[in-house]
Amino acid sequence: MGDDAMAMGAIEAGVKVVTGYPGTPATEILEVIAKERPDIYSEWSCNEMVATEVAMGASLANVRTLAVMKHNGTNVATDMIMHFAFTGVKGAYVLVSADDPGANSSQNEEDTRILLHTYGHLPILDPASPEEAKEMMKAAFDLSEETSSAYILRPVMRVCHARSVIEEGPSTAPDREPSFENDRSRFVMSAVSEPKAGGKMRPLWRHELLNAKQAEYKEIAEKSPFNWIEKGEGRTGLVGCGIGYTYAKEALETLGLNLPVLKLGTLPLPPKKVREFLNQVDRV
């Protein structure tokens, strides 16, 4: 299943601490890691807020950490999520927020991309298949440490519970020991004057840094292997993000059509690639 694939990706990336709260469609990710790798610390937390807090503590100790929950749980954890959006992270921090379009096993349906990216300004990876979910999981750990930011992996039900043949890959785990640096100006978001920012209030300074970081996220999106353009016939193009891309490709095959397709898997979007695609078509 897609959940197994994401668990495999986290293991290959060298995750050391996994926290979460059970909820379909994301439950099996933590279950698989706990079963296959008992040497990795895995915890069902009492709620999603605690899961994000424990994971943040591990990140502060410079180890790779993963927090897993469904969209309802992301709402519960929003307070902590908005906090570490400002502070950034030390060791890689990946948050899985699994959405359930159609409310197949939920009391509601949400698009947590709006909450976590539009509102929280955090970068998101949106997989189109179990295989891509695994590769995105591994990439998210590297990108998190490259940007000193938490990365969000947002699979949906039809990715989490889809089945596919997945190849094991090499370990990309860093070889390092846990360590802690008491950087209060970064990780303690008290409303105090910050000397490093010329006396600005510390939360305002960190907010400015978060806003400035969006340009870096866009550059990463431009080079991302999860965004691409597929050539086709005619001047009508399709844009597919996440599982929507998979549905679009299936529809084209069923209808016998060969239209240009822009496949997207990141937020923020890659603006240059989007413009390149739009210049090739008249209608999307």
C-alpha atoms as a PDB file:
ATOM      1  CA  MET A   1       0.000   0.000   0.000  1.00  0.00           C
ATOM      2  CA  GLY A   2       0.948   3.623  -0.296  1.00  0.00           C
ATOM      3  CA  ASP A   3       1.271   3.819   3.478  1.00  0.00           C
ATOM      4  CA  ASP A   4       3.803   0.979   3.414  1.00  0.00           C
ATOM      5  CA  ALA A   5       5.707   2.789   0.668  1.00  0.00           C
ATOM      6  CA  MET A   6       5.893   5.979   2.724  1.00  0.00           C
ATOM      7  CA  ALA A   7       7.066   3.987   5.730  1.00  0.00           C
ATOM      8  CA  MET A   8       9.792   2.456   3.562  1.00  0.00           C
ATOM      9  CA  GLY A   9      10.827   5.908   2.369  1.00  0.00           C
ATOM     10  CA  ALA A  10      11.097   7.202   5.924  1.00  0.00           C
ATOM     11  CA  ILE A  11      13.201   4.210   6.979  1.00  0.00           C
ATOM     12  CA  GLU A  12      15.533   4.630   4.006  1.00  0.00           C
ATOM     13  CA  ALA A  13      15.847   8.348   4.840  1.00  0.00           C
ATOM     14  CA  GLY A  14      17.075   7.506   8.330  1.00  0.00           C
ATOM     15  CA  VAL A  15      14.127   8.528  10.471  1.00  0.00           C
ATOM     16  CA  LYS A  16      14.868   8.077  14.186  1.00  0.00           C
ATOM     17  CA  VAL A  17      11.662   9.252  15.889  1.00  0.00           C
ATOM     18  CA  VAL A  18       8.104   8.660  14.624  1.00  0.00           C
ATOM     19  CA  THR A  19       5.029  10.033  16.365  1.00  0.00           C
ATOM     20  CA  GLY A  20       1.375  10.178  15.458  1.00  0.00           C
ATOM     21  CA  TYR A  21      -2.248   9.604  16.252  1.00  0.00           C
ATOM     22  CA  PRO A  22      -4.197   6.860  14.440  1.00  0.00           C
ATOM     23  CA  GLY A  23      -6.635   7.871  11.740  1.00  0.00           C
ATOM     24  CA  THR A  24      -7.430   6.536   8.279  1.00  0.00           C
ATOM     25  CA  PRO A  25      -5.874   6.869   5.755  1.00  0.00           C
ATOM     26  CA  ALA A  26      -2.500   7.408   7.478  1.00  0.00           C
ATOM     27  CA  THR A  27      -2.525   4.869  10.332  1.00  0.00           C
ATOM     28  CA  GLU A  28      -0.451   2.160   8.679  1.00  0.00           C
ATOM     29  CA  ILE A  29       2.611   4.398   8.183  1.00  0.00           C
ATOM     30  CA  LEU A  30       3.539   4.347  11.859  1.00  0.00           C
ATOM     31  CA  GLU A  31       2.352   0.755  12.298  1.00  0.00           C
ATOM     32  CA  VAL A  32       4.671  -0.494   9.558  1.00  0.00           C
ATOM     33  CA  ILE A  33       7.691   1.385  10.900  1.00  0.00           C
ATOM     34  CA  ALA A  34       7.068   0.128  14.449  1.00  0.00           C
ATOM     35  CA  LYS A  35       6.729  -3.459  13.214  1.00  0.00           C
ATOM     36  CA  GLU A  36       9.604  -3.541  10.747  1.00  0.00           C
ATOM     37  CA  ARG A  37      12.068  -1.417  12.712  1.00  0.00           C
ATOM     38  CA  PRO A  38      11.634  -1.729  16.484  1.00  0.00           C
ATOM     39  CA  ASP A  39      14.954   0.101  16.899  1.00  0.00           C
ATOM     40  CA  ILE A  40      13.257   3.303  15.681  1.00  0.00           C
ATOM     41  CA  TYR A  41      11.388   5.116  18.451  1.00  0.00           C
ATOM     42  CA  SER A  42       7.694   5.024  17.479  1.00  0.00           C
ATOM     43  CA  GLU A  43       4.907   6.490  19.586  1.00  0.00           C
ATOM     44  CA  TRP A  44       1.135   6.681  19.381  1.00  0.00           C
ATOM     45  CA  SER A  45       0.704  10.011  21.143  1.00  0.00           C
ATOM     46  CA  CYS A  46      -2.375  10.932  23.181  1.00  0.00           C
ATOM     47  CA  ASN A  47      -3.330  13.430  20.458  1.00  0.00           C
ATOM     48  CA  GLU A  48      -1.898  15.093  17.367  1.00  0.00           C
ATOM     49  CA  MET A  49      -0.698  18.184  19.232  1.00  0.00           C
ATOM     50  CA  VAL A  50       1.471  16.030  21.473  1.00  0.00           C
ATOM     51  CA  ALA A  51       2.724  14.120  18.427  1.00  0.00           C
ATOM     52  CA  THR A  52       3.938  17.318  16.762  1.00  0.00           C
ATOM     53  CA  GLU A  53       5.528  18.524  20.009  1.00  0.00           C
ATOM     54  CA  VAL A  54       7.427  15.277  20.636  1.00  0.00           C
ATOM     55  CA  ALA A  55       8.604  15.287  17.033  1.00  0.00           C
ATOM     56  CA  MET A  56       9.789  18.882  17.374  1.00  0.00           C
ATOM     57  CA  GLY A  57      11.754  17.943  20.477  1.00  0.00           C
ATOM     58  CA  ALA A  58      13.523  15.232  18.501  1.00  0.00           C
ATOM     59  CA  SER A  59      14.253  17.673  15.686  1.00  0.00           C
ATOM     60  CA  LEU A  60      15.831  20.067  18.198  1.00  0.00           C
ATOM     61  CA  ALA A  61      18.178  17.203  19.110  1.00  0.00           C
ATOM     62  CA  ASN A  62      19.232  17.103  15.433  1.00  0.00           C
ATOM     63  CA  VAL A  63      17.673  13.745  14.564  1.00  0.00           C
ATOM     64  CA  ARG A  64      15.329  13.002  11.678  1.00  0.00           C
ATOM     65  CA  THR A  65      11.734  12.890  12.815  1.00  0.00           C
ATOM     66  CA  LEU A  66       8.307  12.109  11.355  1.00  0.00           C
ATOM     67  CA  ALA A  67       4.837  13.029  12.630  1.00  0.00           C
ATOM     68  CA  VAL A  68       1.834  11.249  11.081  1.00  0.00           C
ATOM     69  CA  MET A  69      -1.846  12.207  11.193  1.00  0.00           C
ATOM     70  CA  LYS A  70      -4.965  12.693   9.065  1.00  0.00           C
ATOM     71  CA  HIS A  71      -6.512  16.024   8.170  1.00  0.00           C
ATOM     72  CA  ASN A  72      -8.720  16.197  11.272  1.00  0.00           C
ATOM     73  CA  GLY A  73      -5.654  15.754  13.436  1.00  0.00           C
ATOM     74  CA  THR A  74      -3.808  18.498  11.589  1.00  0.00           C
ATOM     75  CA  ASN A  75      -6.494  20.868  12.843  1.00  0.00           C
ATOM     76  CA  VAL A  76      -5.751  19.728  16.404  1.00  0.00           C
ATOM     77  CA  ALA A  77      -2.015  20.297  15.931  1.00  0.00           C
ATOM     78  CA  THR A  78      -2.271  23.683  14.213  1.00  0.00           C
ATOM     79  CA  ASP A  79      -1.012  25.671  17.216  1.00  0.00           C
ATOM     80  CA  MET A  80       2.324  23.837  17.272  1.00  0.00           C
ATOM     81  CA  ILE A  81       2.561  23.723  13.473  1.00  0.00           C
ATOM     82  CA  MET A  82       2.251  27.501  13.184  1.00  0.00           C
ATOM     83  CA  HIS A  83       4.925  27.809  15.870  1.00  0.00           C
ATOM     84  CA  PHE A  84       7.547  25.706  14.088  1.00  0.00           C
ATOM     85  CA  ALA A  85       6.706  27.411  10.797  1.00  0.00           C
ATOM     86  CA  PHE A  86       8.256  30.498  12.422  1.00  0.00           C
ATOM     87  CA  THR A  87      11.155  28.826  14.211  1.00  0.00           C
ATOM     88  CA  GLY A  88      12.192  26.365  11.553  1.00  0.00           C
ATOM     89  CA  VAL A  89      13.762  23.051  12.538  1.00  0.00           C
ATOM     90  CA  LYS A  90      17.163  21.495  13.256  1.00  0.00           C
ATOM     91  CA  GLY A  91      17.029  17.820  12.312  1.00  0.00           C
ATOM     92  CA  ALA A  92      14.703  17.012   9.416  1.00  0.00           C
ATOM     93  CA  TYR A  93      11.027  17.248  10.340  1.00  0.00           C
ATOM     94  CA  VAL A  94       8.439  15.715   8.006  1.00  0.00           C
ATOM     95  CA  LEU A  95       4.742  16.009   8.795  1.00  0.00           C
ATOM     96  CA  VAL A  96       2.326  13.665   7.015  1.00  0.00           C
ATOM     97  CA  SER A  97      -1.116  15.246   6.777  1.00  0.00           C
ATOM     98  CA  ALA A  98      -3.312  12.708   4.971  1.00  0.00           C
ATOM     99  CA  ASP A  99      -6.450  14.130   3.375  1.00  0.00           C
ATOM    100  CA  ASP A 100      -9.630  12.178   2.667  1.00  0.00           C
ATOM    101  CA  PRO A 101     -11.465  13.697  -0.333  1.00  0.00           C
ATOM    102  CA  GLY A 102     -14.941  12.196  -0.468  1.00  0.00           C
ATOM    103  CA  ALA A 103     -14.928  11.554   3.284  1.00  0.00           C
ATOM    104  CA  ASN A 104     -14.464   7.808   2.794  1.00  0.00           C
ATOM    105  CA  SER A 105     -13.552   7.307   6.454  1.00  0.00           C
ATOM    106  CA  SER A 106     -13.901  10.764   7.990  1.00  0.00           C
ATOM    107  CA  GLN A 107     -16.592  12.986   9.435  1.00  0.00           C
ATOM    108  CA  ASN A 108     -15.615  15.748   7.010  1.00  0.00           C
ATOM    109  CA  GLU A 109     -13.330  16.482   4.078  1.00  0.00           C
ATOM    110  CA  GLU A 110     -10.671  19.174   3.940  1.00  0.00           C
ATOM    111  CA  ASP A 111      -7.810  20.369   1.786  1.00  0.00           C
ATOM    112  CA  THR A 112      -5.018  20.850   4.293  1.00  0.00           C
ATOM    113  CA  ARG A 113      -2.837  22.414   1.606  1.00  0.00           C
ATOM    114  CA  ILE A 114      -4.816  25.594   2.248  1.00  0.00           C
ATOM    115  CA  LEU A 115      -4.140  25.442   5.985  1.00  0.00           C
ATOM    116  CA  LEU A 116      -0.491  24.430   5.834  1.00  0.00           C
ATOM    117  CA  HIS A 117       0.752  26.334   2.775  1.00  0.00           C
ATOM    118  CA  THR A 118      -1.580  29.250   2.086  1.00  0.00           C
ATOM    119  CA  TYR A 119      -1.905  30.048   5.789  1.00  0.00           C
ATOM    120  CA  GLY A 120       1.132  28.384   7.362  1.00  0.00           C
ATOM    121  CA  HIS A 121       3.574  29.133   4.495  1.00  0.00           C
ATOM    122  CA  LEU A 122       5.098  25.661   4.742  1.00  0.00           C
ATOM    123  CA  PRO A 123       6.261  23.736   1.641  1.00  0.00           C
ATOM    124  CA  ILE A 124       4.174  20.731   0.588  1.00  0.00           C
ATOM    125  CA  LEU A 125       4.757  17.620  -1.518  1.00  0.00           C
ATOM    126  CA  ASP A 126       1.602  16.098  -3.056  1.00  0.00           C
ATOM    127  CA  PRO A 127       2.108  12.530  -4.355  1.00  0.00           C
ATOM    128  CA  ALA A 128       0.283  11.059  -7.343  1.00  0.00           C
ATOM    129  CA  SER A 129       1.040   7.387  -6.621  1.00  0.00           C
ATOM    130  CA  PRO A 130       2.469   5.087  -3.948  1.00  0.00           C
ATOM    131  CA  GLU A 131       5.836   5.060  -5.724  1.00  0.00           C
ATOM    132  CA  GLU A 132       5.982   8.843  -5.831  1.00  0.00           C
ATOM    133  CA  ALA A 133       4.852   8.999  -2.197  1.00  0.00           C
ATOM    134  CA  LYS A 134       7.913   6.953  -1.221  1.00  0.00           C
ATOM    135  CA  GLU A 135      10.271   9.127  -3.243  1.00  0.00           C
ATOM    136  CA  MET A 136       8.687  12.298  -1.885  1.00  0.00           C
ATOM    137  CA  MET A 137       9.076  11.023   1.657  1.00  0.00           C
ATOM    138  CA  LYS A 138      12.814  10.535   1.148  1.00  0.00           C
ATOM    139  CA  ALA A 139      13.161  13.889  -0.581  1.00  0.00           C
ATOM    140  CA  ALA A 140      11.229  15.657   2.172  1.00  0.00           C
ATOM    141  CA  PHE A 141      13.815  14.701   4.794  1.00  0.00           C
ATOM    142  CA  ASP A 142      16.666  16.068   2.687  1.00  0.00           C
ATOM    143  CA  LEU A 143      14.757  19.232   1.769  1.00  0.00           C
ATOM    144  CA  SER A 144      13.808  19.832   5.386  1.00  0.00           C
ATOM    145  CA  GLU A 145      17.451  19.932   6.414  1.00  0.00           C
ATOM    146  CA  GLU A 146      18.458  21.896   3.311  1.00  0.00           C
ATOM    147  CA  THR A 147      15.951  24.646   4.141  1.00  0.00           C
ATOM    148  CA  SER A 148      15.856  24.266   7.961  1.00  0.00           C
ATOM    149  CA  SER A 149      12.090  24.023   7.581  1.00  0.00           C
ATOM    150  CA  ALA A 150       9.476  21.394   8.266  1.00  0.00           C
ATOM    151  CA  TYR A 151       8.210  19.745   5.077  1.00  0.00           C
ATOM    152  CA  ILE A 152       4.649  18.524   4.606  1.00  0.00           C
ATOM    153  CA  LEU A 153       3.751  15.317   2.761  1.00  0.00           C
ATOM    154  CA  ARG A 154       0.072  15.391   1.806  1.00  0.00           C
ATOM    155  CA  PRO A 155      -1.139  12.016   0.491  1.00  0.00           C
ATOM    156  CA  VAL A 156      -4.849  11.373  -0.044  1.00  0.00           C
ATOM    157  CA  MET A 157      -6.879   8.217   0.571  1.00  0.00           C
ATOM    158  CA  ARG A 158      -6.431   6.885  -2.976  1.00  0.00           C
ATOM    159  CA  VAL A 159      -2.662   7.180  -2.646  1.00  0.00           C
ATOM    160  CA  CYS A 160      -2.413   5.849   0.920  1.00  0.00           C
ATOM    161  CA  HIS A 161      -4.488   2.747   0.163  1.00  0.00           C
ATOM    162  CA  ALA A 162      -3.509   2.152  -3.464  1.00  0.00           C
ATOM    163  CA  ARG A 163      -1.317  -0.855  -4.187  1.00  0.00           C
ATOM    164  CA  SER A 164       1.797  -0.900  -6.327  1.00  0.00           C
ATOM    165  CA  VAL A 165       5.094  -2.721  -6.725  1.00  0.00           C
ATOM    166  CA  ILE A 166       7.738  -0.656  -4.938  1.00  0.00           C
ATOM    167  CA  GLU A 167      11.475  -1.243  -5.176  1.00  0.00           C
ATOM    168  CA  GLU A 168      13.644  -0.854  -2.106  1.00  0.00           C
ATOM    169  CA  GLY A 169      16.242   1.869  -2.433  1.00  0.00           C
ATOM    170  CA  PRO A 170      19.551   2.787  -0.827  1.00  0.00           C
ATOM    171  CA  SER A 171      19.712   4.426   2.567  1.00  0.00           C
ATOM    172  CA  THR A 172      20.218   8.180   2.559  1.00  0.00           C
ATOM    173  CA  ALA A 173      20.496   8.397   6.338  1.00  0.00           C
ATOM    174  CA  PRO A 174      23.074  10.895   7.628  1.00  0.00           C
ATOM    175  CA  ASP A 175      25.770   9.532   9.926  1.00  0.00           C
ATOM    176  CA  ARG A 176      25.585  11.761  12.994  1.00  0.00           C
ATOM    177  CA  GLU A 177      24.897  11.642  16.699  1.00  0.00           C
ATOM    178  CA  PRO A 178      22.082  13.573  18.406  1.00  0.00           C
ATOM    179  CA  SER A 179      23.105  17.005  19.652  1.00  0.00           C
ATOM    180  CA  PHE A 180      21.358  20.012  21.143  1.00  0.00           C
ATOM    181  CA  GLU A 181      22.136  23.708  20.704  1.00  0.00           C
ATOM    182  CA  ASN A 182      20.339  26.129  23.025  1.00  0.00           C
ATOM    183  CA  ASP A 183      19.443  28.730  20.371  1.00  0.00           C
ATOM    184  CA  ARG A 184      16.817  30.708  22.267  1.00  0.00           C
ATOM    185  CA  SER A 185      16.645  33.554  19.757  1.00  0.00           C
ATOM    186  CA  ARG A 186      15.390  31.080  17.180  1.00  0.00           C
ATOM    187  CA  PHE A 187      13.359  28.502  19.055  1.00  0.00           C
ATOM    188  CA  VAL A 188      11.810  30.474  21.928  1.00  0.00           C
ATOM    189  CA  MET A 189       9.080  32.642  20.425  1.00  0.00           C
ATOM    190  CA  SER A 190       8.626  35.031  23.323  1.00  0.00           C
ATOM    191  CA  ALA A 191       7.446  38.558  22.525  1.00  0.00           C
ATOM    192  CA  VAL A 192      10.795  40.115  23.399  1.00  0.00           C
ATOM    193  CA  SER A 193      13.186  42.466  21.658  1.00  0.00           C
ATOM    194  CA  GLU A 194      15.685  40.499  19.540  1.00  0.00           C
ATOM    195  CA  PRO A 195      19.222  41.983  19.340  1.00  0.00           C
ATOM    196  CA  LYS A 196      20.035  39.918  16.217  1.00  0.00           C
ATOM    197  CA  ALA A 197      17.194  41.726  14.425  1.00  0.00           C
ATOM    198  CA  GLY A 198      18.071  45.232  15.534  1.00  0.00           C
ATOM    199  CA  GLY A 199      15.615  45.187  18.396  1.00  0.00           C
ATOM    200  CA  LYS A 200      12.573  43.934  16.502  1.00  0.00           C
ATOM    201  CA  MET A 201      10.134  41.772  18.380  1.00  0.00           C
ATOM    202  CA  ARG A 202      11.333  38.198  17.991  1.00  0.00           C
ATOM    203  CA  PRO A 203       8.125  36.697  16.498  1.00  0.00           C
ATOM    204  CA  LEU A 204       7.915  39.541  13.940  1.00  0.00           C
ATOM    205  CA  TRP A 205      11.526  38.947  12.942  1.00  0.00           C
ATOM    206  CA  ARG A 206      10.927  35.215  12.476  1.00  0.00           C
ATOM    207  CA  HIS A 207       7.766  35.962  10.481  1.00  0.00           C
ATOM    208  CA  GLU A 208       9.769  38.170   8.123  1.00  0.00           C
ATOM    209  CA  LEU A 209      12.289  35.374   7.661  1.00  0.00           C
ATOM    210  CA  LEU A 210       9.480  32.912   6.907  1.00  0.00           C
ATOM    211  CA  ASN A 211       8.038  35.243   4.266  1.00  0.00           C
ATOM    212  CA  ALA A 212      11.469  35.719   2.698  1.00  0.00           C
ATOM    213  CA  LYS A 213      11.930  31.935   2.573  1.00  0.00           C
ATOM    214  CA  GLN A 214       9.095  31.542   0.066  1.00  0.00           C
ATOM    215  CA  ALA A 215      11.433  32.510  -2.778  1.00  0.00           C
ATOM    216  CA  GLU A 216      13.745  29.634  -1.812  1.00  0.00           C
ATOM    217  CA  TYR A 217      10.825  27.198  -1.823  1.00  0.00           C
ATOM    218  CA  LYS A 218       9.862  28.355  -5.339  1.00  0.00           C
ATOM    219  CA  GLU A 219      13.389  27.810  -6.640  1.00  0.00           C
ATOM    220  CA  ILE A 220      13.346  24.294  -5.192  1.00  0.00           C
ATOM    221  CA  ALA A 221       9.992  23.694  -6.902  1.00  0.00           C
ATOM    222  CA  GLU A 222      11.415  24.814 -10.262  1.00  0.00           C
ATOM    223  CA  LYS A 223      14.122  22.127 -10.039  1.00  0.00           C
ATOM    224  CA  SER A 224      11.939  19.476  -8.429  1.00  0.00           C
ATOM    225  CA  PRO A 225      11.717  16.060 -10.142  1.00  0.00           C
ATOM    226  CA  PHE A 226       8.053  15.984  -9.060  1.00  0.00           C
ATOM    227  CA  ASN A 227       7.003  18.733 -11.509  1.00  0.00           C
ATOM    228  CA  TRP A 228       7.198  18.210 -15.260  1.00  0.00           C
ATOM    229  CA  ILE A 229       5.635  18.968 -18.656  1.00  0.00           C
ATOM    230  CA  GLU A 230       4.455  16.193 -20.980  1.00  0.00           C
ATOM    231  CA  LYS A 231       4.240  17.072 -24.663  1.00  0.00           C
ATOM    232  CA  GLY A 232       1.031  16.340 -26.522  1.00  0.00           C
ATOM    233  CA  GLU A 233      -1.145  17.260 -29.480  1.00  0.00           C
ATOM    234  CA  GLY A 234      -3.295  20.348 -29.821  1.00  0.00           C
ATOM    235  CA  ARG A 235      -3.581  23.620 -27.921  1.00  0.00           C
ATOM    236  CA  THR A 236      -5.705  22.339 -25.036  1.00  0.00           C
ATOM    237  CA  GLY A 237      -3.710  21.280 -21.989  1.00  0.00           C
ATOM    238  CA  LEU A 238      -4.424  19.526 -18.720  1.00  0.00           C
ATOM    239  CA  VAL A 239      -2.985  20.396 -15.315  1.00  0.00           C
ATOM    240  CA  GLY A 240      -2.912  17.663 -12.690  1.00  0.00           C
ATOM    241  CA  CYS A 241      -1.667  17.876  -9.103  1.00  0.00           C
ATOM    242  CA  GLY A 242      -1.249  14.854  -6.859  1.00  0.00           C
ATOM    243  CA  ILE A 243      -3.842  12.137  -7.410  1.00  0.00           C
ATOM    244  CA  GLY A 244      -5.597  14.455  -9.891  1.00  0.00           C
ATOM    245  CA  TYR A 245      -2.719  13.856 -12.301  1.00  0.00           C
ATOM    246  CA  THR A 246      -3.234  10.097 -12.083  1.00  0.00           C
ATOM    247  CA  TYR A 247      -6.948  10.488 -12.781  1.00  0.00           C
ATOM    248  CA  ALA A 248      -6.225  12.786 -15.734  1.00  0.00           C
ATOM    249  CA  LYS A 249      -3.780  10.312 -17.286  1.00  0.00           C
ATOM    250  CA  GLU A 250      -6.279   7.477 -16.910  1.00  0.00           C
ATOM    251  CA  ALA A 251      -8.979   9.581 -18.570  1.00  0.00           C
ATOM    252  CA  LEU A 252      -6.704  10.445 -21.497  1.00  0.00           C
ATOM    253  CA  GLU A 253      -5.892   6.764 -22.018  1.00  0.00           C
ATOM    254  CA  THR A 254      -9.574   5.802 -21.853  1.00  0.00           C
ATOM    255  CA  LEU A 255     -10.555   8.504 -24.348  1.00  0.00           C
ATOM    256  CA  GLY A 256      -7.620   7.846 -26.657  1.00  0.00           C
ATOM    257  CA  LEU A 257      -6.365  11.431 -26.385  1.00  0.00           C
ATOM    258  CA  ASN A 258      -2.821  12.788 -26.327  1.00  0.00           C
ATOM    259  CA  LEU A 259      -3.028  16.249 -24.794  1.00  0.00           C
ATOM    260  CA  PRO A 260      -0.205  18.273 -23.240  1.00  0.00           C
ATOM    261  CA  VAL A 261      -0.081  17.768 -19.469  1.00  0.00           C
ATOM    262  CA  LEU A 262       1.503  19.786 -16.683  1.00  0.00           C
ATOM    263  CA  LYS A 263       2.163  17.487 -13.748  1.00  0.00           C
ATOM    264  CA  LEU A 264       2.538  19.267 -10.405  1.00  0.00           C
ATOM    265  CA  GLY A 265       3.612  17.807  -7.079  1.00  0.00           C
ATOM    266  CA  THR A 266       4.758  20.780  -5.022  1.00  0.00           C
ATOM    267  CA  LEU A 267       3.506  23.835  -3.223  1.00  0.00           C
ATOM    268  CA  PRO A 268       4.580  26.463  -3.874  1.00  0.00           C
ATOM    269  CA  LEU A 269       4.066  25.923  -7.582  1.00  0.00           C
ATOM    270  CA  PRO A 270       7.014  26.357  -9.967  1.00  0.00           C
ATOM    271  CA  PRO A 271       6.045  29.692 -11.607  1.00  0.00           C
ATOM    272  CA  LYS A 272       8.498  29.481 -14.517  1.00  0.00           C
ATOM    273  CA  LYS A 273       7.415  25.957 -15.413  1.00  0.00           C
ATOM    274  CA  VAL A 274       3.751  26.947 -15.190  1.00  0.00           C
ATOM    275  CA  ARG A 275       4.339  29.900 -17.545  1.00  0.00           C
ATOM    276  CA  GLU A 276       6.292  27.663 -19.923  1.00  0.00           C
ATOM    277  CA  PHE A 277       3.330  25.292 -20.110  1.00  0.00           C
ATOM    278  CA  LEU A 278       0.752  28.058 -20.524  1.00  0.00           C
ATOM    279  CA  ASN A 279       2.726  29.481 -23.449  1.00  0.00           C
ATOM    280  CA  GLN A 280       2.271  26.153 -25.265  1.00  0.00           C
ATOM    281  CA  VAL A 281      -1.530  26.003 -25.021  1.00  0.00           C
ATOM    282  CA  ASP A 282      -4.575  28.214 -25.541  1.00  0.00           C
ATOM    283  CA  ARG A 283      -6.910  26.482 -23.104  1.00  0.00           C
ATOM    284  CA  VAL A 284      -6.393  24.556 -19.864  1.00  0.00           C
END
